[in-house]
């Protein structure tokens, strides 16, 4: 037995289970497994042990989060200088606020345009 997170996985699989599904049920499992980056078997096994697999993030998720971290770092540096000197670079601050809003809007559009059909 091997642990993956909070789930124990038995790697000595000797039993086979066969079942019949409707076309709709089969397509749903196939679609959900693919959206999680799993095979159908791995997806069903995770459901059996009580773990509900999560969908893989959109392809540009990591680029978006990296951009948000950069913007946050820029804003943090501006605030640090403002606290130290009593002055704030308003142009740099508002430029980063606008970048942050635009990034958040793109993320929201990406997430809300994703299809979650049942």
N, C-alpha and C. Protein backbone atom coordinates (compact mmCIF):
# COMPACT_ATOMS: atom_id res chain seq x y z
N UNK A 1 0.83 -1.16 0.00
CA UNK A 1 0.00 0.00 0.00
C UNK A 1 0.89 1.24 0.00
N UNK A 2 0.48 2.25 -0.75
CA UNK A 2 1.23 3.49 -0.89
C UNK A 2 0.31 4.66 -0.57
N UNK A 3 0.83 5.67 0.12
CA UNK A 3 -0.01 6.82 0.48
C UNK A 3 0.17 7.93 -0.54
N UNK A 4 -0.95 8.50 -0.97
CA UNK A 4 -0.95 9.65 -1.86
C UNK A 4 -1.85 10.68 -1.21
N UNK A 5 -1.23 11.68 -0.55
CA UNK A 5 -2.02 12.63 0.21
C UNK A 5 -2.65 11.92 1.38
N UNK A 6 -3.95 12.07 1.55
CA UNK A 6 -4.67 11.41 2.63
C UNK A 6 -5.27 10.08 2.18
N UNK A 7 -4.99 9.68 0.92
CA UNK A 7 -5.60 8.48 0.36
C UNK A 7 -4.56 7.38 0.26
N UNK A 8 -4.91 6.19 0.74
CA UNK A 8 -4.02 5.03 0.60
C UNK A 8 -4.41 4.28 -0.66
N UNK A 9 -3.42 4.00 -1.47
CA UNK A 9 -3.66 3.34 -2.75
C UNK A 9 -3.06 1.94 -2.70
N UNK A 10 -3.88 0.95 -2.97
CA UNK A 10 -3.41 -0.43 -3.01
C UNK A 10 -2.88 -0.69 -4.41
N UNK A 11 -1.56 -0.89 -4.51
CA UNK A 11 -0.96 -1.07 -5.83
C UNK A 11 -0.95 -2.52 -6.30
N UNK A 12 -1.43 -3.43 -5.46
CA UNK A 12 -1.50 -4.84 -5.87
C UNK A 12 -2.94 -5.15 -6.29
N UNK A 13 -3.28 -4.69 -7.47
CA UNK A 13 -4.65 -4.86 -7.96
C UNK A 13 -4.77 -6.19 -8.69
N UNK A 14 -5.54 -7.07 -8.09
CA UNK A 14 -5.71 -8.39 -8.70
C UNK A 14 -7.16 -8.67 -9.07
N UNK A 15 -8.06 -7.81 -8.66
CA UNK A 15 -9.48 -8.03 -8.93
C UNK A 15 -9.95 -7.09 -10.03
N UNK A 16 -10.86 -7.59 -10.84
CA UNK A 16 -11.41 -6.82 -11.95
C UNK A 16 -12.91 -6.65 -11.72
N UNK A 17 -13.40 -5.46 -11.98
CA UNK A 17 -14.82 -5.16 -11.84
C UNK A 17 -15.34 -4.73 -13.21
N UNK A 18 -16.41 -5.34 -13.63
CA UNK A 18 -17.01 -4.99 -14.90
C UNK A 18 -18.42 -4.49 -14.63
N UNK A 19 -18.80 -3.40 -15.26
CA UNK A 19 -20.16 -2.90 -15.08
C UNK A 19 -20.64 -2.26 -16.36
N UNK A 20 -21.93 -2.15 -16.47
CA UNK A 20 -22.53 -1.55 -17.65
C UNK A 20 -23.00 -0.15 -17.32
N UNK A 21 -22.74 0.76 -18.26
CA UNK A 21 -23.14 2.16 -18.10
C UNK A 21 -23.92 2.59 -19.32
N UNK A 22 -24.75 3.58 -19.14
CA UNK A 22 -25.41 4.17 -20.30
C UNK A 22 -24.37 5.00 -21.05
N UNK A 23 -24.68 5.37 -22.25
CA UNK A 23 -23.77 6.20 -23.05
C UNK A 23 -23.50 7.53 -22.32
N UNK A 24 -24.56 8.07 -21.73
CA UNK A 24 -24.44 9.35 -21.01
C UNK A 24 -23.53 9.20 -19.78
N UNK A 25 -23.69 8.12 -19.03
CA UNK A 25 -22.86 7.89 -17.84
C UNK A 25 -21.39 7.69 -18.23
N UNK A 26 -21.19 6.91 -19.30
CA UNK A 26 -19.83 6.64 -19.75
C UNK A 26 -19.14 7.93 -20.20
N UNK A 27 -19.84 8.72 -20.99
CA UNK A 27 -19.28 9.98 -21.49
C UNK A 27 -18.97 10.93 -20.33
N UNK A 28 -19.83 10.92 -19.33
CA UNK A 28 -19.61 11.79 -18.17
C UNK A 28 -18.33 11.39 -17.43
N UNK A 29 -18.16 10.11 -17.16
CA UNK A 29 -16.94 9.64 -16.48
C UNK A 29 -15.72 9.94 -17.35
N UNK A 30 -15.85 9.69 -18.63
CA UNK A 30 -14.74 9.94 -19.55
C UNK A 30 -14.34 11.43 -19.53
N UNK A 31 -15.33 12.30 -19.60
CA UNK A 31 -15.09 13.75 -19.61
C UNK A 31 -14.50 14.23 -18.29
N UNK A 32 -15.06 13.74 -17.18
CA UNK A 32 -14.57 14.17 -15.88
C UNK A 32 -13.15 13.67 -15.62
N UNK A 33 -12.87 12.44 -15.99
CA UNK A 33 -11.52 11.89 -15.82
C UNK A 33 -10.52 12.71 -16.63
N UNK A 34 -10.88 13.01 -17.86
CA UNK A 34 -9.98 13.79 -18.72
C UNK A 34 -9.75 15.18 -18.14
N UNK A 35 -10.80 15.82 -17.62
CA UNK A 35 -10.65 17.17 -17.07
C UNK A 35 -9.77 17.18 -15.82
N UNK A 36 -9.63 16.03 -15.17
CA UNK A 36 -8.77 15.90 -13.98
C UNK A 36 -7.39 15.39 -14.34
N UNK A 37 -7.18 15.06 -15.61
CA UNK A 37 -5.89 14.53 -16.04
C UNK A 37 -5.67 13.09 -15.60
N UNK A 38 -6.76 12.32 -15.49
CA UNK A 38 -6.68 10.94 -15.03
C UNK A 38 -7.25 9.99 -16.07
N UNK A 39 -6.88 8.72 -15.96
CA UNK A 39 -7.56 7.70 -16.76
C UNK A 39 -8.93 7.45 -16.13
N UNK A 40 -9.81 6.81 -16.87
CA UNK A 40 -11.13 6.49 -16.31
C UNK A 40 -10.98 5.61 -15.08
N UNK A 41 -10.09 4.63 -15.15
CA UNK A 41 -9.88 3.72 -14.01
C UNK A 41 -9.39 4.47 -12.78
N UNK A 42 -8.39 5.32 -12.96
CA UNK A 42 -7.84 6.07 -11.83
C UNK A 42 -8.90 7.00 -11.24
N UNK A 43 -9.70 7.60 -12.11
CA UNK A 43 -10.77 8.49 -11.64
C UNK A 43 -11.77 7.73 -10.78
N UNK A 44 -12.24 6.58 -11.25
CA UNK A 44 -13.23 5.79 -10.51
C UNK A 44 -12.63 5.27 -9.21
N UNK A 45 -11.36 4.83 -9.24
CA UNK A 45 -10.70 4.36 -8.01
C UNK A 45 -10.67 5.46 -6.95
N UNK A 46 -10.37 6.68 -7.37
CA UNK A 46 -10.34 7.78 -6.40
C UNK A 46 -11.73 8.04 -5.81
N UNK A 47 -12.75 7.93 -6.64
CA UNK A 47 -14.12 8.09 -6.13
C UNK A 47 -14.45 6.99 -5.12
N UNK A 48 -14.03 5.77 -5.40
CA UNK A 48 -14.33 4.63 -4.53
C UNK A 48 -13.74 4.82 -3.13
N UNK A 49 -12.52 5.37 -3.05
CA UNK A 49 -11.89 5.56 -1.74
C UNK A 49 -12.32 6.85 -1.05
N UNK A 50 -13.29 7.55 -1.66
CA UNK A 50 -13.85 8.73 -1.01
C UNK A 50 -13.17 10.04 -1.36
N UNK A 51 -12.29 10.02 -2.35
CA UNK A 51 -11.63 11.25 -2.77
C UNK A 51 -12.28 11.73 -4.05
N UNK A 52 -12.68 13.00 -4.09
CA UNK A 52 -13.28 13.54 -5.30
C UNK A 52 -12.21 14.32 -6.07
N UNK A 53 -11.75 13.78 -7.19
CA UNK A 53 -10.69 14.45 -7.96
C UNK A 53 -11.12 15.84 -8.43
N UNK A 54 -10.18 16.74 -8.44
CA UNK A 54 -10.44 18.12 -8.89
C UNK A 54 -9.96 18.29 -10.32
N UNK A 55 -10.64 19.19 -11.03
CA UNK A 55 -10.24 19.46 -12.40
C UNK A 55 -8.87 20.10 -12.44
N UNK A 56 -8.12 19.81 -13.48
CA UNK A 56 -6.83 20.46 -13.69
C UNK A 56 -7.10 21.94 -13.98
N UNK A 57 -6.20 22.81 -13.52
CA UNK A 57 -6.42 24.24 -13.79
C UNK A 57 -6.29 24.53 -15.28
N UNK A 58 -6.86 25.67 -15.73
CA UNK A 58 -6.72 26.03 -17.15
C UNK A 58 -5.24 26.12 -17.53
N UNK A 59 -4.96 25.99 -18.81
CA UNK A 59 -3.58 25.96 -19.30
C UNK A 59 -2.77 27.19 -18.88
N UNK A 60 -3.38 28.35 -18.84
CA UNK A 60 -2.64 29.56 -18.50
C UNK A 60 -2.72 29.93 -17.02
N UNK A 61 -3.16 29.02 -16.19
CA UNK A 61 -3.30 29.27 -14.75
C UNK A 61 -1.98 29.71 -14.11
N UNK A 62 -0.91 29.00 -14.41
CA UNK A 62 0.36 29.30 -13.76
C UNK A 62 0.93 30.64 -14.22
N UNK A 63 0.73 30.98 -15.49
CA UNK A 63 1.16 32.29 -15.99
C UNK A 63 0.37 33.40 -15.30
N UNK A 64 -0.94 33.17 -15.12
CA UNK A 64 -1.77 34.18 -14.47
C UNK A 64 -1.38 34.36 -13.01
N UNK A 65 -1.14 33.27 -12.29
CA UNK A 65 -0.77 33.40 -10.88
C UNK A 65 0.61 34.04 -10.74
N UNK A 66 1.53 33.74 -11.65
CA UNK A 66 2.85 34.37 -11.61
C UNK A 66 2.71 35.88 -11.80
N UNK A 67 1.86 36.30 -12.74
CA UNK A 67 1.63 37.72 -12.98
C UNK A 67 1.03 38.40 -11.75
N UNK A 68 0.08 37.75 -11.11
CA UNK A 68 -0.52 38.32 -9.90
C UNK A 68 0.52 38.47 -8.79
N UNK A 69 1.40 37.49 -8.65
CA UNK A 69 2.45 37.57 -7.64
C UNK A 69 3.40 38.73 -7.92
N UNK A 70 3.73 38.94 -9.20
CA UNK A 70 4.60 40.06 -9.57
C UNK A 70 3.94 41.39 -9.24
N UNK A 71 2.67 41.51 -9.57
CA UNK A 71 1.93 42.74 -9.28
C UNK A 71 1.88 42.97 -7.77
N UNK A 72 1.58 41.93 -7.02
CA UNK A 72 1.54 42.05 -5.56
C UNK A 72 2.89 42.47 -5.00
N UNK A 73 3.96 41.92 -5.55
CA UNK A 73 5.30 42.29 -5.11
C UNK A 73 5.57 43.77 -5.41
N UNK A 74 5.19 44.22 -6.61
CA UNK A 74 5.36 45.63 -6.96
C UNK A 74 4.61 46.54 -6.00
N UNK A 75 3.36 46.19 -5.73
CA UNK A 75 2.56 47.01 -4.80
C UNK A 75 3.17 47.00 -3.40
N UNK A 76 3.68 45.85 -2.98
CA UNK A 76 4.31 45.75 -1.67
C UNK A 76 5.54 46.66 -1.59
N UNK A 77 6.34 46.69 -2.65
CA UNK A 77 7.52 47.55 -2.68
C UNK A 77 7.14 49.03 -2.63
N UNK A 78 6.08 49.39 -3.35
CA UNK A 78 5.61 50.78 -3.34
C UNK A 78 5.16 51.18 -1.95
N UNK A 79 4.41 50.31 -1.28
CA UNK A 79 3.94 50.58 0.08
C UNK A 79 5.11 50.67 1.05
N UNK A 80 6.12 49.81 0.88
CA UNK A 80 7.30 49.84 1.74
C UNK A 80 8.00 51.20 1.63
N UNK A 81 8.21 51.68 0.40
CA UNK A 81 8.85 52.99 0.19
C UNK A 81 7.97 54.10 0.76
N UNK A 82 6.66 53.98 0.55
CA UNK A 82 5.75 55.01 1.08
C UNK A 82 5.82 55.07 2.60
N UNK A 83 5.87 53.93 3.26
CA UNK A 83 5.97 53.91 4.73
C UNK A 83 7.30 54.47 5.20
N UNK A 84 8.38 54.17 4.47
CA UNK A 84 9.71 54.61 4.88
C UNK A 84 9.93 56.10 4.64
N UNK A 85 9.37 56.63 3.55
CA UNK A 85 9.64 58.02 3.18
C UNK A 85 8.46 58.95 3.37
N UNK A 86 7.30 58.41 3.52
CA UNK A 86 6.09 59.25 3.59
C UNK A 86 5.62 59.68 2.21
N UNK A 87 6.30 59.20 1.16
CA UNK A 87 5.93 59.54 -0.22
C UNK A 87 5.49 58.28 -0.95
N UNK A 88 4.65 58.47 -1.94
CA UNK A 88 4.21 57.33 -2.75
C UNK A 88 4.32 57.69 -4.21
N UNK A 89 4.79 56.75 -5.00
CA UNK A 89 4.86 56.94 -6.45
C UNK A 89 3.48 56.59 -6.99
N UNK A 90 2.64 57.62 -7.09
CA UNK A 90 1.24 57.39 -7.47
C UNK A 90 1.12 56.74 -8.84
N UNK A 91 1.95 57.16 -9.79
CA UNK A 91 1.87 56.61 -11.15
C UNK A 91 2.15 55.11 -11.13
N UNK A 92 3.22 54.70 -10.42
CA UNK A 92 3.55 53.28 -10.34
C UNK A 92 2.46 52.52 -9.59
N UNK A 93 1.94 53.11 -8.54
CA UNK A 93 0.89 52.46 -7.76
C UNK A 93 -0.34 52.20 -8.63
N UNK A 94 -0.82 53.25 -9.30
CA UNK A 94 -2.04 53.09 -10.09
C UNK A 94 -1.82 52.21 -11.32
N UNK A 95 -0.62 52.23 -11.86
CA UNK A 95 -0.31 51.34 -12.99
C UNK A 95 -0.45 49.88 -12.55
N UNK A 96 0.05 49.58 -11.35
CA UNK A 96 -0.05 48.21 -10.84
C UNK A 96 -1.47 47.85 -10.43
N UNK A 97 -2.21 48.80 -9.92
CA UNK A 97 -3.62 48.55 -9.58
C UNK A 97 -4.39 48.21 -10.85
N UNK A 98 -4.13 48.94 -11.93
CA UNK A 98 -4.81 48.68 -13.21
C UNK A 98 -4.41 47.29 -13.73
N UNK A 99 -3.11 46.95 -13.65
CA UNK A 99 -2.65 45.62 -14.07
C UNK A 99 -3.34 44.53 -13.26
N UNK A 100 -3.47 44.77 -11.96
CA UNK A 100 -4.12 43.80 -11.08
C UNK A 100 -5.58 43.61 -11.48
N UNK A 101 -6.29 44.71 -11.70
CA UNK A 101 -7.71 44.61 -12.10
C UNK A 101 -7.86 43.88 -13.43
N UNK A 102 -6.99 44.21 -14.39
CA UNK A 102 -7.05 43.54 -15.70
C UNK A 102 -6.78 42.05 -15.56
N UNK A 103 -5.79 41.71 -14.76
CA UNK A 103 -5.45 40.29 -14.55
C UNK A 103 -6.61 39.55 -13.89
N UNK A 104 -7.20 40.16 -12.89
CA UNK A 104 -8.34 39.54 -12.22
C UNK A 104 -9.51 39.37 -13.18
N UNK A 105 -9.74 40.35 -14.04
CA UNK A 105 -10.83 40.26 -15.03
C UNK A 105 -10.56 39.09 -15.99
N UNK A 106 -9.30 38.93 -16.45
CA UNK A 106 -8.96 37.82 -17.34
C UNK A 106 -9.15 36.48 -16.66
N UNK A 107 -8.76 36.40 -15.40
CA UNK A 107 -8.94 35.15 -14.66
C UNK A 107 -10.42 34.83 -14.52
N UNK A 108 -11.20 35.84 -14.17
CA UNK A 108 -12.65 35.64 -14.03
C UNK A 108 -13.26 35.17 -15.34
N UNK A 109 -12.87 35.77 -16.45
CA UNK A 109 -13.40 35.36 -17.76
C UNK A 109 -12.98 33.93 -18.09
N UNK A 110 -11.75 33.58 -17.77
CA UNK A 110 -11.28 32.23 -18.04
C UNK A 110 -12.06 31.21 -17.24
N UNK A 111 -12.27 31.51 -15.97
CA UNK A 111 -12.96 30.57 -15.09
C UNK A 111 -14.44 30.48 -15.43
N UNK A 112 -15.09 31.60 -15.68
CA UNK A 112 -16.53 31.57 -15.93
C UNK A 112 -16.88 31.08 -17.33
N UNK A 113 -15.93 31.07 -18.24
CA UNK A 113 -16.20 30.57 -19.60
C UNK A 113 -15.95 29.08 -19.70
N UNK A 114 -15.40 28.47 -18.65
CA UNK A 114 -15.15 27.04 -18.67
C UNK A 114 -16.47 26.31 -18.51
N UNK A 115 -16.66 25.27 -19.28
CA UNK A 115 -17.90 24.50 -19.23
C UNK A 115 -17.83 23.44 -18.14
N UNK A 116 -18.86 23.38 -17.31
CA UNK A 116 -18.95 22.36 -16.25
C UNK A 116 -20.21 21.56 -16.44
N UNK A 117 -20.39 20.97 -17.61
CA UNK A 117 -21.59 20.19 -17.89
C UNK A 117 -21.64 18.95 -17.00
N UNK A 118 -22.85 18.59 -16.62
CA UNK A 118 -23.04 17.37 -15.81
C UNK A 118 -23.32 16.20 -16.69
